[in-house]
Protein backbone atom coordinates (compact mmCIF):
# COMPACT_ATOMS: atom_id res chain seq x y z
CA MET A 1 -22.02 1.55 -25.29
CA CYS A 2 -18.50 1.07 -23.46
CA ILE A 3 -16.16 3.67 -21.69
CA PRO A 4 -13.18 3.80 -23.49
CA LEU A 5 -10.13 2.74 -21.60
CA SER A 6 -6.42 2.18 -22.34
CA PRO A 7 -4.98 -1.19 -22.56
CA GLU A 8 -3.32 -0.47 -19.50
CA VAL A 9 -6.33 0.43 -17.55
CA VAL A 10 -8.34 -2.59 -19.25
CA GLU A 11 -5.05 -5.15 -18.06
CA ALA A 12 -5.41 -3.46 -14.74
CA LEU A 13 -8.86 -4.14 -14.58
CA LYS A 14 -8.54 -7.68 -15.23
CA SER A 15 -6.12 -7.93 -12.23
CA LEU A 16 -9.06 -6.77 -9.81
CA ASP A 17 -10.43 -9.53 -11.40
CA ARG A 18 -8.05 -12.39 -10.76
CA ILE A 19 -6.23 -11.06 -7.51
CA PRO A 20 -8.48 -10.40 -4.73
CA ASP A 21 -8.37 -7.24 -2.77
CA SER A 22 -6.25 -5.92 -5.57
CA ARG A 23 -2.70 -7.39 -4.21
CA ALA A 24 -1.85 -6.25 -7.43
CA ASP A 25 0.53 -3.02 -7.36
CA ILE A 26 -1.61 -1.06 -9.71
CA PRO A 27 0.29 2.85 -10.86
CA ARG A 28 -1.87 5.73 -9.20
CA PRO A 29 -3.17 7.31 -12.47
CA ILE A 30 -4.17 3.94 -13.59
CA ALA A 31 -5.91 3.44 -10.23
CA ASN A 32 -7.25 6.92 -10.44
CA GLU A 33 -8.64 6.23 -13.87
CA LEU A 34 -10.36 3.17 -12.84
CA LEU A 35 -11.84 5.28 -9.81
CA THR A 36 -13.35 8.11 -12.07
CA HIS A 37 -15.01 5.80 -13.77
CA GLY A 38 -16.58 4.23 -10.90
CA LEU A 39 -14.99 0.55 -12.02
CA ALA A 40 -13.38 0.38 -8.92
CA TYR A 41 -13.36 1.38 -5.39
CA GLU A 42 -10.44 2.40 -2.74
CA SER A 43 -10.98 0.22 0.56
CA ARG A 44 -10.76 2.81 3.59
CA ILE A 45 -8.63 0.74 5.81
CA GLY A 46 -5.88 -0.64 3.89
CA GLY A 47 -6.50 1.16 0.71
CA SER A 48 -6.70 -1.70 -1.72
CA LEU A 49 -9.00 -1.36 -4.96
CA ASN A 50 -11.45 -3.53 -5.55
CA MET A 51 -13.74 -3.82 -8.68
CA THR A 52 -17.35 -2.55 -8.56
CA ALA A 53 -20.08 -4.10 -10.24
CA ALA A 54 -19.98 -1.74 -12.90
CA GLY A 55 -16.24 -2.95 -13.54
CA ARG A 56 -17.48 -6.55 -13.84
CA GLN A 57 -20.07 -5.57 -16.19
CA TRP A 58 -17.61 -3.24 -18.47
CA LEU A 59 -15.55 -6.91 -18.45
CA ASN A 60 -18.35 -8.81 -19.14
CA ARG A 61 -19.29 -6.56 -22.00
CA CYS A 62 -16.28 -4.68 -23.34
CA ALA A 63 -13.54 -6.27 -22.70
CA GLU A 64 -12.07 -8.39 -25.62
């Protein structure tokens, strides 16, 4: 079963897969949705967003 995500959040998750250490500029509401679902985590030092294993699994199973 996949967590339903908006198209914007799916694109942000895909960008975390392509861009190391989330150098992508992700709007805060989208980042918060990824964090809330456990699909990403925020680095304490740089505040960058990184994909979790759950985020990778969601991409592999649920992304079109």
